[in-house]
Amino acid sequence: MKVLLADDNQERADAVARRLSDAGIVEIVRVEPGQRLIDIVEAAKPDVLIVDMSRPDRDSLESIREVSAQAPIVLFVDRDDPGFMQDAIDAGVSSYNLMGSSIPDVKPIAQAAVAIFRRYRKVAEDLEKAENKLGERDIVQKAKARLMKERGMTEPQAHKYLRQTAMNQGKRIVDIAWNLLGGAGKES
């Protein structure tokens, strides 16, 4: 697992890095002062980001928002703020943690964040596929409606026509329907 560690407090960052090393994580990339988080994430391609905000504010979430689609983010803060926690989760944080006086065991927290991130990604991909299928079904329905209106076909005849045309041309029914509608997907 490659971990990107972003913490302005060098002492705390060193302690977290030691904890990660002790847990068997050898690929640890550190964000140096002045480096933009998005640049480091794009270059390093980490499996997980660990970000520590000693004084969290909503402006600091913007850099997290920029990288939230690229890797799971574990956020440590030093004070409890339910409103900020919700904003952080909305920005894409996978794991929000209140940091006490001792450094927690970071490895299981990072592993859980990765698992949550992957599950969220899968749900988002499944939703996109379902939306695409519904969109395709809508296009086919509109094409059948046009055939029924313009050519006086019944619904089964219109479906058979689209299916047969698709088979003859080696295309999908939705592609034939799309072409029939003039690529606009609108019923006239």
N, C-alpha and C. Protein backbone atom coordinates (compact mmCIF):
# COMPACT_ATOMS: atom_id res chain seq x y z
N MET A 1 0.85 -1.17 0.00
CA MET A 1 0.00 0.00 0.00
C MET A 1 0.90 1.24 0.00
N LYS A 2 0.61 2.16 -0.92
CA LYS A 2 1.35 3.42 -0.98
C LYS A 2 0.50 4.49 -0.30
N VAL A 3 1.09 5.16 0.68
CA VAL A 3 0.39 6.16 1.48
C VAL A 3 0.99 7.53 1.23
N LEU A 4 0.14 8.51 0.98
CA LEU A 4 0.58 9.89 0.89
C LEU A 4 0.21 10.55 2.21
N LEU A 5 1.19 11.13 2.86
CA LEU A 5 1.01 11.73 4.18
C LEU A 5 1.14 13.24 4.07
N ALA A 6 0.06 13.93 4.42
CA ALA A 6 0.06 15.40 4.36
C ALA A 6 -0.23 15.95 5.75
N ASP A 7 0.78 16.55 6.36
CA ASP A 7 0.63 17.13 7.69
C ASP A 7 1.66 18.24 7.82
N ASP A 8 1.21 19.44 8.17
CA ASP A 8 2.13 20.57 8.34
C ASP A 8 3.01 20.42 9.57
N ASN A 9 2.57 19.65 10.55
CA ASN A 9 3.32 19.43 11.78
C ASN A 9 4.31 18.29 11.54
N GLN A 10 5.58 18.62 11.33
CA GLN A 10 6.60 17.62 10.99
C GLN A 10 6.76 16.55 12.07
N GLU A 11 6.70 16.95 13.32
CA GLU A 11 6.87 15.99 14.42
C GLU A 11 5.75 14.95 14.39
N ARG A 12 4.52 15.43 14.23
CA ARG A 12 3.38 14.51 14.18
C ARG A 12 3.44 13.65 12.92
N ALA A 13 3.83 14.25 11.80
CA ALA A 13 3.95 13.51 10.55
C ALA A 13 5.00 12.41 10.68
N ASP A 14 6.11 12.72 11.35
CA ASP A 14 7.15 11.71 11.57
C ASP A 14 6.61 10.56 12.42
N ALA A 15 5.81 10.90 13.43
CA ALA A 15 5.25 9.86 14.31
C ALA A 15 4.28 8.96 13.53
N VAL A 16 3.45 9.57 12.68
CA VAL A 16 2.51 8.78 11.87
C VAL A 16 3.28 7.92 10.88
N ALA A 17 4.32 8.48 10.27
CA ALA A 17 5.14 7.72 9.33
C ALA A 17 5.79 6.52 10.02
N ARG A 18 6.27 6.73 11.25
CA ARG A 18 6.85 5.61 12.02
C ARG A 18 5.80 4.54 12.28
N ARG A 19 4.60 4.95 12.66
CA ARG A 19 3.51 4.01 12.91
C ARG A 19 3.20 3.19 11.65
N LEU A 20 3.17 3.88 10.52
CA LEU A 20 2.90 3.20 9.25
C LEU A 20 4.03 2.21 8.92
N SER A 21 5.27 2.64 9.11
CA SER A 21 6.42 1.76 8.85
C SER A 21 6.39 0.54 9.77
N ASP A 22 6.07 0.77 11.03
CA ASP A 22 5.98 -0.34 11.99
C ASP A 22 4.89 -1.33 11.58
N ALA A 23 3.86 -0.83 10.89
CA ALA A 23 2.75 -1.68 10.45
C ALA A 23 3.05 -2.37 9.12
N GLY A 24 4.26 -2.15 8.60
CA GLY A 24 4.66 -2.83 7.37
C GLY A 24 4.44 -2.04 6.10
N ILE A 25 4.04 -0.80 6.21
CA ILE A 25 3.84 0.04 5.03
C ILE A 25 5.16 0.74 4.72
N VAL A 26 5.73 0.43 3.59
CA VAL A 26 7.06 0.97 3.27
C VAL A 26 7.01 2.12 2.27
N GLU A 27 5.93 2.21 1.50
CA GLU A 27 5.83 3.30 0.53
C GLU A 27 5.05 4.45 1.15
N ILE A 28 5.78 5.42 1.67
CA ILE A 28 5.17 6.59 2.29
C ILE A 28 5.70 7.82 1.57
N VAL A 29 4.81 8.58 0.98
CA VAL A 29 5.17 9.80 0.28
C VAL A 29 4.72 10.96 1.15
N ARG A 30 5.61 11.92 1.35
CA ARG A 30 5.30 13.06 2.21
C ARG A 30 5.07 14.30 1.34
N VAL A 31 4.09 15.09 1.73
CA VAL A 31 3.85 16.37 1.07
C VAL A 31 4.74 17.38 1.76
N GLU A 32 5.59 18.00 0.97
CA GLU A 32 6.50 19.00 1.51
C GLU A 32 5.82 20.37 1.52
N PRO A 33 6.25 21.26 2.41
CA PRO A 33 5.66 22.61 2.44
C PRO A 33 5.74 23.28 1.07
N GLY A 34 4.65 23.88 0.68
CA GLY A 34 4.60 24.59 -0.61
C GLY A 34 4.12 23.72 -1.76
N GLN A 35 4.06 22.42 -1.59
CA GLN A 35 3.59 21.54 -2.65
C GLN A 35 2.06 21.49 -2.63
N ARG A 36 1.48 21.49 -3.82
CA ARG A 36 0.03 21.38 -3.92
C ARG A 36 -0.37 19.91 -3.83
N LEU A 37 -1.39 19.62 -3.08
CA LEU A 37 -1.84 18.26 -2.87
C LEU A 37 -2.19 17.58 -4.19
N ILE A 38 -2.88 18.27 -5.06
CA ILE A 38 -3.29 17.66 -6.33
C ILE A 38 -2.09 17.26 -7.18
N ASP A 39 -1.02 18.06 -7.16
CA ASP A 39 0.18 17.74 -7.94
C ASP A 39 0.85 16.47 -7.41
N ILE A 40 0.94 16.36 -6.09
CA ILE A 40 1.58 15.19 -5.49
C ILE A 40 0.73 13.94 -5.74
N VAL A 41 -0.58 14.05 -5.60
CA VAL A 41 -1.46 12.90 -5.82
C VAL A 41 -1.34 12.41 -7.26
N GLU A 42 -1.34 13.33 -8.20
CA GLU A 42 -1.24 12.94 -9.61
C GLU A 42 0.12 12.29 -9.91
N ALA A 43 1.17 12.78 -9.28
CA ALA A 43 2.51 12.23 -9.52
C ALA A 43 2.73 10.90 -8.81
N ALA A 44 2.32 10.82 -7.55
CA ALA A 44 2.61 9.64 -6.73
C ALA A 44 1.60 8.51 -6.89
N LYS A 45 0.36 8.86 -7.24
CA LYS A 45 -0.72 7.88 -7.38
C LYS A 45 -0.81 6.96 -6.15
N PRO A 46 -1.05 7.56 -4.98
CA PRO A 46 -1.11 6.75 -3.75
C PRO A 46 -2.39 5.92 -3.68
N ASP A 47 -2.35 4.88 -2.84
CA ASP A 47 -3.52 4.07 -2.58
C ASP A 47 -4.44 4.75 -1.58
N VAL A 48 -3.86 5.57 -0.71
CA VAL A 48 -4.64 6.28 0.31
C VAL A 48 -3.91 7.56 0.70
N LEU A 49 -4.67 8.59 1.05
CA LEU A 49 -4.11 9.85 1.54
C LEU A 49 -4.43 9.96 3.02
N ILE A 50 -3.44 10.34 3.80
CA ILE A 50 -3.68 10.63 5.21
C ILE A 50 -3.38 12.12 5.39
N VAL A 51 -4.40 12.85 5.79
CA VAL A 51 -4.29 14.29 5.93
C VAL A 51 -4.59 14.65 7.37
N ASP A 52 -3.72 15.45 7.95
CA ASP A 52 -3.92 15.91 9.32
C ASP A 52 -4.11 17.42 9.28
N MET A 53 -5.19 17.88 9.85
CA MET A 53 -5.47 19.32 9.91
C MET A 53 -5.54 19.72 11.36
N SER A 54 -4.53 20.42 11.81
CA SER A 54 -4.54 20.84 13.22
C SER A 54 -5.56 21.96 13.43
N ARG A 55 -5.76 22.79 12.42
CA ARG A 55 -6.77 23.83 12.50
C ARG A 55 -7.66 23.74 11.26
N PRO A 56 -8.57 22.76 11.26
CA PRO A 56 -9.37 22.55 10.06
C PRO A 56 -10.32 23.71 9.79
N ASP A 57 -10.46 24.04 8.53
CA ASP A 57 -11.46 25.02 8.12
C ASP A 57 -12.01 24.61 6.76
N ARG A 58 -13.10 25.21 6.41
CA ARG A 58 -13.78 24.81 5.18
C ARG A 58 -12.97 25.14 3.93
N ASP A 59 -12.14 26.17 3.99
CA ASP A 59 -11.29 26.51 2.84
C ASP A 59 -10.27 25.42 2.57
N SER A 60 -9.77 24.79 3.62
CA SER A 60 -8.76 23.75 3.44
C SER A 60 -9.35 22.49 2.81
N LEU A 61 -10.65 22.38 2.78
CA LEU A 61 -11.29 21.21 2.16
C LEU A 61 -11.25 21.27 0.63
N GLU A 62 -10.98 22.44 0.09
CA GLU A 62 -10.99 22.56 -1.37
C GLU A 62 -9.94 21.66 -2.02
N SER A 63 -8.74 21.59 -1.44
CA SER A 63 -7.70 20.72 -2.01
C SER A 63 -8.09 19.26 -1.86
N ILE A 64 -8.80 18.93 -0.80
CA ILE A 64 -9.29 17.55 -0.64
C ILE A 64 -10.34 17.25 -1.70
N ARG A 65 -11.23 18.19 -1.93
CA ARG A 65 -12.27 18.01 -2.94
C ARG A 65 -11.65 17.74 -4.31
N GLU A 66 -10.53 18.42 -4.62
CA GLU A 66 -9.87 18.26 -5.92
C GLU A 66 -9.34 16.85 -6.14
N VAL A 67 -8.96 16.14 -5.07
CA VAL A 67 -8.33 14.82 -5.22
C VAL A 67 -9.22 13.67 -4.76
N SER A 68 -10.42 13.96 -4.31
CA SER A 68 -11.26 12.94 -3.68
C SER A 68 -11.65 11.80 -4.62
N ALA A 69 -11.65 12.02 -5.91
CA ALA A 69 -12.01 10.95 -6.84
C ALA A 69 -10.82 10.04 -7.16
N GLN A 70 -9.62 10.46 -6.78
CA GLN A 70 -8.43 9.71 -7.17
C GLN A 70 -7.98 8.68 -6.14
N ALA A 71 -8.28 8.89 -4.87
CA ALA A 71 -7.85 7.95 -3.82
C ALA A 71 -8.67 8.21 -2.57
N PRO A 72 -8.80 7.20 -1.71
CA PRO A 72 -9.50 7.42 -0.44
C PRO A 72 -8.70 8.36 0.45
N ILE A 73 -9.42 9.12 1.26
CA ILE A 73 -8.79 10.12 2.11
C ILE A 73 -9.15 9.86 3.56
N VAL A 74 -8.11 9.75 4.39
CA VAL A 74 -8.27 9.63 5.83
C VAL A 74 -7.92 11.00 6.40
N LEU A 75 -8.83 11.57 7.15
CA LEU A 75 -8.61 12.90 7.70
C LEU A 75 -8.55 12.81 9.22
N PHE A 76 -7.51 13.40 9.79
CA PHE A 76 -7.37 13.52 11.24
C PHE A 76 -7.52 14.98 11.60
N VAL A 77 -8.31 15.25 12.61
CA VAL A 77 -8.50 16.61 13.12
C VAL A 77 -8.27 16.58 14.63
N ASP A 78 -8.01 17.76 15.20
CA ASP A 78 -7.71 17.78 16.63
C ASP A 78 -8.87 18.26 17.49
N ARG A 79 -10.01 18.59 16.86
CA ARG A 79 -11.17 18.97 17.68
C ARG A 79 -12.44 18.51 17.00
N ASP A 80 -13.42 18.22 17.82
CA ASP A 80 -14.70 17.71 17.34
C ASP A 80 -15.55 18.86 16.81
N ASP A 81 -16.02 18.72 15.58
CA ASP A 81 -16.87 19.73 14.96
C ASP A 81 -17.80 19.00 13.99
N PRO A 82 -19.01 18.65 14.43
CA PRO A 82 -19.93 17.88 13.57
C PRO A 82 -20.22 18.53 12.23
N GLY A 83 -20.33 19.85 12.21
CA GLY A 83 -20.58 20.55 10.94
C GLY A 83 -19.42 20.39 9.98
N PHE A 84 -18.19 20.55 10.50
CA PHE A 84 -17.01 20.38 9.65
C PHE A 84 -16.89 18.93 9.20
N MET A 85 -17.23 17.99 10.09
CA MET A 85 -17.17 16.58 9.71
C MET A 85 -18.07 16.32 8.50
N GLN A 86 -19.28 16.86 8.51
CA GLN A 86 -20.19 16.66 7.39
C GLN A 86 -19.63 17.30 6.12
N ASP A 87 -19.06 18.50 6.25
CA ASP A 87 -18.44 19.17 5.10
C ASP A 87 -17.28 18.34 4.55
N ALA A 88 -16.49 17.75 5.44
CA ALA A 88 -15.36 16.93 5.02
C ALA A 88 -15.84 15.69 4.27
N ILE A 89 -16.85 15.05 4.78
CA ILE A 89 -17.40 13.87 4.10
C ILE A 89 -17.99 14.26 2.76
N ASP A 90 -18.69 15.39 2.70
CA ASP A 90 -19.22 15.89 1.43
C ASP A 90 -18.11 16.19 0.43
N ALA A 91 -16.95 16.59 0.94
CA ALA A 91 -15.80 16.89 0.06
C ALA A 91 -15.11 15.62 -0.44
N GLY A 92 -15.45 14.47 0.16
CA GLY A 92 -14.88 13.22 -0.32
C GLY A 92 -14.02 12.46 0.67
N VAL A 93 -14.01 12.89 1.92
CA VAL A 93 -13.22 12.19 2.94
C VAL A 93 -13.88 10.85 3.22
N SER A 94 -13.09 9.78 3.20
CA SER A 94 -13.61 8.43 3.45
C SER A 94 -13.61 8.09 4.94
N SER A 95 -12.69 8.68 5.69
CA SER A 95 -12.58 8.37 7.12
C SER A 95 -12.22 9.65 7.86
N TYR A 96 -13.09 10.06 8.76
CA TYR A 96 -12.90 11.28 9.56
C TYR A 96 -12.59 10.85 10.98
N ASN A 97 -11.44 11.28 11.52
CA ASN A 97 -10.97 10.81 12.82
C ASN A 97 -10.53 11.96 13.70
N LEU A 98 -10.93 11.89 14.95
CA LEU A 98 -10.50 12.86 15.93
C LEU A 98 -9.19 12.36 16.54
N MET A 99 -8.15 13.17 16.42
CA MET A 99 -6.82 12.80 16.90
C MET A 99 -6.68 13.22 18.35
N GLY A 100 -6.35 12.27 19.19
CA GLY A 100 -6.13 12.56 20.61
C GLY A 100 -4.67 12.91 20.84
N SER A 101 -4.24 12.74 22.06
CA SER A 101 -2.85 13.06 22.39
C SER A 101 -1.89 11.99 21.91
N SER A 102 -2.39 10.76 21.68
CA SER A 102 -1.52 9.70 21.17
C SER A 102 -1.87 9.40 19.71
N ILE A 103 -0.89 8.92 18.99
CA ILE A 103 -1.08 8.58 17.58
C ILE A 103 -1.81 7.23 17.51
N PRO A 104 -2.94 7.18 16.81
CA PRO A 104 -3.69 5.93 16.72
C PRO A 104 -3.00 4.93 15.78
N ASP A 105 -3.47 3.70 15.81
CA ASP A 105 -3.00 2.69 14.88
C ASP A 105 -3.61 3.03 13.52
N VAL A 106 -2.81 3.58 12.63
CA VAL A 106 -3.29 4.17 11.39
C VAL A 106 -3.60 3.12 10.32
N LYS A 107 -2.89 2.01 10.32
CA LYS A 107 -3.06 1.02 9.25
C LYS A 107 -4.50 0.53 9.11
N PRO A 108 -5.18 0.07 10.17
CA PRO A 108 -6.55 -0.39 9.98
C PRO A 108 -7.50 0.74 9.56
N ILE A 109 -7.21 1.95 10.00
CA ILE A 109 -8.03 3.09 9.60
C ILE A 109 -7.87 3.32 8.09
N ALA A 110 -6.64 3.25 7.60
CA ALA A 110 -6.38 3.42 6.17
C ALA A 110 -7.00 2.28 5.37
N GLN A 111 -6.89 1.06 5.86
CA GLN A 111 -7.47 -0.09 5.15
C GLN A 111 -8.99 0.04 5.07
N ALA A 112 -9.62 0.49 6.14
CA ALA A 112 -11.07 0.68 6.13
C ALA A 112 -11.46 1.78 5.14
N ALA A 113 -10.67 2.85 5.10
CA ALA A 113 -10.95 3.94 4.16
C ALA A 113 -10.86 3.46 2.73
N VAL A 114 -9.87 2.62 2.43
CA VAL A 114 -9.72 2.07 1.08
C VAL A 114 -10.94 1.21 0.75
N ALA A 115 -11.37 0.38 1.68
CA ALA A 115 -12.53 -0.48 1.43
C ALA A 115 -13.79 0.35 1.21
N ILE A 116 -14.00 1.37 2.01
CA ILE A 116 -15.17 2.25 1.84
C ILE A 116 -15.11 2.96 0.50
N PHE A 117 -13.93 3.45 0.15
CA PHE A 117 -13.74 4.15 -1.12
C PHE A 117 -14.08 3.24 -2.30
N ARG A 118 -13.56 2.01 -2.25
CA ARG A 118 -13.84 1.05 -3.34
C ARG A 118 -15.32 0.73 -3.43
N ARG A 119 -15.96 0.55 -2.29
CA ARG A 119 -17.39 0.26 -2.30
C ARG A 119 -18.17 1.44 -2.88
N TYR A 120 -17.83 2.64 -2.48
CA TYR A 120 -18.49 3.83 -3.00
C TYR A 120 -18.29 3.93 -4.51
N ARG A 121 -17.05 3.69 -4.96
CA ARG A 121 -16.76 3.72 -6.40
C ARG A 121 -17.61 2.71 -7.16
N LYS A 122 -17.73 1.48 -6.61
CA LYS A 122 -18.53 0.43 -7.25
C LYS A 122 -19.99 0.84 -7.33
N VAL A 123 -20.51 1.41 -6.26
CA VAL A 123 -21.91 1.87 -6.26
C VAL A 123 -22.09 2.97 -7.31
N ALA A 124 -21.15 3.89 -7.39
CA ALA A 124 -21.23 4.98 -8.37
C ALA A 124 -21.17 4.43 -9.80
N GLU A 125 -20.30 3.44 -10.03
CA GLU A 125 -20.21 2.84 -11.37
C GLU A 125 -21.49 2.08 -11.71
N ASP A 126 -22.03 1.34 -10.74
CA ASP A 126 -23.28 0.61 -10.97
C ASP A 126 -24.43 1.57 -11.27
N LEU A 127 -24.47 2.68 -10.56
CA LEU A 127 -25.50 3.69 -10.80
C LEU A 127 -25.37 4.26 -12.20
N GLU A 128 -24.14 4.55 -12.61
CA GLU A 128 -23.92 5.09 -13.96
C GLU A 128 -24.37 4.10 -15.03
N LYS A 129 -24.05 2.82 -14.83
CA LYS A 129 -24.49 1.79 -15.79
C LYS A 129 -26.00 1.72 -15.86
N ALA A 130 -26.65 1.75 -14.70
CA ALA A 130 -28.12 1.69 -14.67
C ALA A 130 -28.73 2.91 -15.36
N GLU A 131 -28.17 4.08 -15.11
CA GLU A 131 -28.67 5.29 -15.77
C GLU A 131 -28.48 5.21 -17.27
N ASN A 132 -27.33 4.67 -17.71
CA ASN A 132 -27.10 4.51 -19.15
C ASN A 132 -28.10 3.54 -19.76
N LYS A 133 -28.37 2.44 -19.05
CA LYS A 133 -29.34 1.46 -19.55
C LYS A 133 -30.73 2.07 -19.67
N LEU A 134 -31.11 2.84 -18.66
CA LEU A 134 -32.41 3.50 -18.72
C LEU A 134 -32.47 4.51 -19.87
N GLY A 135 -31.38 5.22 -20.07
CA GLY A 135 -31.32 6.17 -21.18
C GLY A 135 -31.44 5.46 -22.52
N GLU A 136 -30.76 4.31 -22.65
CA GLU A 136 -30.85 3.53 -23.88
C GLU A 136 -32.26 3.01 -24.09
N ARG A 137 -32.86 2.53 -23.01
CA ARG A 137 -34.23 2.03 -23.11
C ARG A 137 -35.17 3.14 -23.57
N ASP A 138 -34.96 4.35 -23.06
CA ASP A 138 -35.78 5.50 -23.44
C ASP A 138 -35.63 5.81 -24.93
N ILE A 139 -34.41 5.74 -25.42
CA ILE A 139 -34.16 5.99 -26.85
C ILE A 139 -34.89 4.95 -27.70
N VAL A 140 -34.81 3.68 -27.31
CA VAL A 140 -35.49 2.62 -28.05
C VAL A 140 -36.99 2.84 -28.02
N GLN A 141 -37.53 3.22 -26.86
CA GLN A 141 -38.98 3.46 -26.75
C GLN A 141 -39.41 4.62 -27.66
N LYS A 142 -38.61 5.67 -27.70
CA LYS A 142 -38.92 6.81 -28.56
C LYS A 142 -38.87 6.43 -30.04
N ALA A 143 -37.89 5.60 -30.39
CA ALA A 143 -37.78 5.15 -31.79
C ALA A 143 -38.98 4.28 -32.15
N LYS A 144 -39.39 3.39 -31.25
CA LYS A 144 -40.57 2.56 -31.52
C LYS A 144 -41.80 3.44 -31.66
N ALA A 145 -41.93 4.45 -30.82
CA ALA A 145 -43.08 5.36 -30.91
C ALA A 145 -43.09 6.09 -32.25
N ARG A 146 -41.92 6.48 -32.71
CA ARG A 146 -41.84 7.15 -34.02
C ARG A 146 -42.25 6.19 -35.14
N LEU A 147 -41.75 4.96 -35.10
CA LEU A 147 -42.12 3.97 -36.11
C LEU A 147 -43.64 3.70 -36.07
N MET A 148 -44.19 3.61 -34.89
CA MET A 148 -45.62 3.36 -34.76
C MET A 148 -46.42 4.53 -35.33
N LYS A 149 -45.97 5.73 -35.09
CA LYS A 149 -46.68 6.94 -35.55
C LYS A 149 -46.51 7.15 -37.06
N GLU A 150 -45.25 7.08 -37.53
CA GLU A 150 -44.97 7.41 -38.92
C GLU A 150 -45.26 6.26 -39.89
N ARG A 151 -45.10 5.02 -39.43
CA ARG A 151 -45.26 3.88 -40.33
C ARG A 151 -46.46 3.00 -39.98
N GLY A 152 -47.20 3.41 -38.99
CA GLY A 152 -48.40 2.68 -38.61
C GLY A 152 -48.13 1.27 -38.08
N MET A 153 -46.96 1.07 -37.49
CA MET A 153 -46.61 -0.24 -36.95
C MET A 153 -47.19 -0.42 -35.56
N THR A 154 -47.37 -1.68 -35.16
CA THR A 154 -47.70 -1.96 -33.77
C THR A 154 -46.39 -1.95 -32.99
N GLU A 155 -46.49 -1.98 -31.67
CA GLU A 155 -45.28 -1.97 -30.85
C GLU A 155 -44.41 -3.20 -31.12
N PRO A 156 -45.00 -4.41 -31.19
CA PRO A 156 -44.17 -5.58 -31.50
C PRO A 156 -43.52 -5.49 -32.89
N GLN A 157 -44.24 -4.93 -33.87
CA GLN A 157 -43.66 -4.78 -35.21
C GLN A 157 -42.50 -3.79 -35.19
N ALA A 158 -42.67 -2.70 -34.46
CA ALA A 158 -41.61 -1.69 -34.37
C ALA A 158 -40.38 -2.29 -33.70
N HIS A 159 -40.59 -3.06 -32.63
CA HIS A 159 -39.47 -3.70 -31.95
C HIS A 159 -38.77 -4.71 -32.87
N LYS A 160 -39.57 -5.49 -33.59
CA LYS A 160 -39.01 -6.48 -34.52
C LYS A 160 -38.21 -5.78 -35.62
N TYR A 161 -38.72 -4.65 -36.11
CA TYR A 161 -38.02 -3.89 -37.15
C TYR A 161 -36.66 -3.41 -36.62
N LEU A 162 -36.64 -2.83 -35.42
CA LEU A 162 -35.38 -2.34 -34.85
C LEU A 162 -34.40 -3.49 -34.62
N ARG A 163 -34.91 -4.60 -34.08
CA ARG A 163 -34.06 -5.76 -33.81
C ARG A 163 -33.49 -6.34 -35.11
N GLN A 164 -34.34 -6.48 -36.12
CA GLN A 164 -33.89 -7.05 -37.40
C GLN A 164 -32.88 -6.13 -38.08
N THR A 165 -33.13 -4.84 -38.06
CA THR A 165 -32.20 -3.87 -38.66
C THR A 165 -30.85 -3.91 -37.93
N ALA A 166 -30.90 -4.01 -36.61
CA ALA A 166 -29.66 -4.09 -35.83
C ALA A 166 -28.89 -5.35 -36.19
N MET A 167 -29.57 -6.48 -36.30
CA MET A 167 -28.90 -7.74 -36.66
C MET A 167 -28.31 -7.65 -38.07
N ASN A 168 -29.06 -7.10 -39.01
CA ASN A 168 -28.58 -6.99 -40.39
C ASN A 168 -27.35 -6.09 -40.51
N GLN A 169 -27.29 -5.07 -39.68
CA GLN A 169 -26.17 -4.12 -39.75
C GLN A 169 -25.07 -4.43 -38.74
N GLY A 170 -25.28 -5.44 -37.91
CA GLY A 170 -24.28 -5.79 -36.90
C GLY A 170 -24.11 -4.71 -35.85
N LYS A 171 -25.23 -4.07 -35.50
CA LYS A 171 -25.20 -2.99 -34.50
C LYS A 171 -26.14 -3.33 -33.36
N ARG A 172 -26.09 -2.52 -32.34
CA ARG A 172 -27.01 -2.68 -31.22
C ARG A 172 -28.32 -1.97 -31.55
N ILE A 173 -29.41 -2.46 -30.95
CA ILE A 173 -30.73 -1.85 -31.20
C ILE A 173 -30.71 -0.37 -30.85
N VAL A 174 -30.06 -0.01 -29.76
CA VAL A 174 -30.05 1.39 -29.35
C VAL A 174 -29.36 2.27 -30.40
N ASP A 175 -28.35 1.72 -31.08
CA ASP A 175 -27.67 2.51 -32.11
C ASP A 175 -28.60 2.75 -33.31
N ILE A 176 -29.37 1.73 -33.68
CA ILE A 176 -30.34 1.88 -34.76
C ILE A 176 -31.41 2.88 -34.35
N ALA A 177 -31.89 2.77 -33.13
CA ALA A 177 -32.90 3.69 -32.63
C ALA A 177 -32.37 5.13 -32.63
N TRP A 178 -31.13 5.28 -32.18
CA TRP A 178 -30.49 6.61 -32.13
C TRP A 178 -30.43 7.20 -33.54
N ASN A 179 -30.01 6.40 -34.51
CA ASN A 179 -29.94 6.88 -35.90
C ASN A 179 -31.31 7.23 -36.44
N LEU A 180 -32.30 6.41 -36.11
CA LEU A 180 -33.67 6.66 -36.56
C LEU A 180 -34.19 8.00 -36.03
N LEU A 181 -33.79 8.33 -34.83
CA LEU A 181 -34.21 9.59 -34.22
C LEU A 181 -33.35 10.77 -34.65
N GLY A 182 -32.41 10.51 -35.53
CA GLY A 182 -31.55 11.59 -36.02
C GLY A 182 -30.47 11.98 -35.03
N GLY A 183 -30.15 11.07 -34.11
CA GLY A 183 -29.09 11.34 -33.14
C GLY A 183 -29.50 12.30 -32.04
N ALA A 184 -30.76 12.73 -32.06
CA ALA A 184 -31.20 13.68 -31.06
C ALA A 184 -31.92 13.02 -29.89
N GLY A 185 -32.41 11.83 -30.11
CA GLY A 185 -33.11 11.13 -29.03
C GLY A 185 -34.44 11.75 -28.67
N LYS A 186 -34.95 12.61 -29.58
CA LYS A 186 -36.21 13.29 -29.29
C LYS A 186 -37.30 12.78 -30.22
N GLU A 187 -38.46 12.65 -29.65
CA GLU A 187 -39.61 12.22 -30.43
C GLU A 187 -40.18 13.44 -31.14
N SER A 188 -40.52 13.28 -32.42
CA SER A 188 -41.10 14.44 -33.13
C SER A 188 -42.60 14.36 -33.19
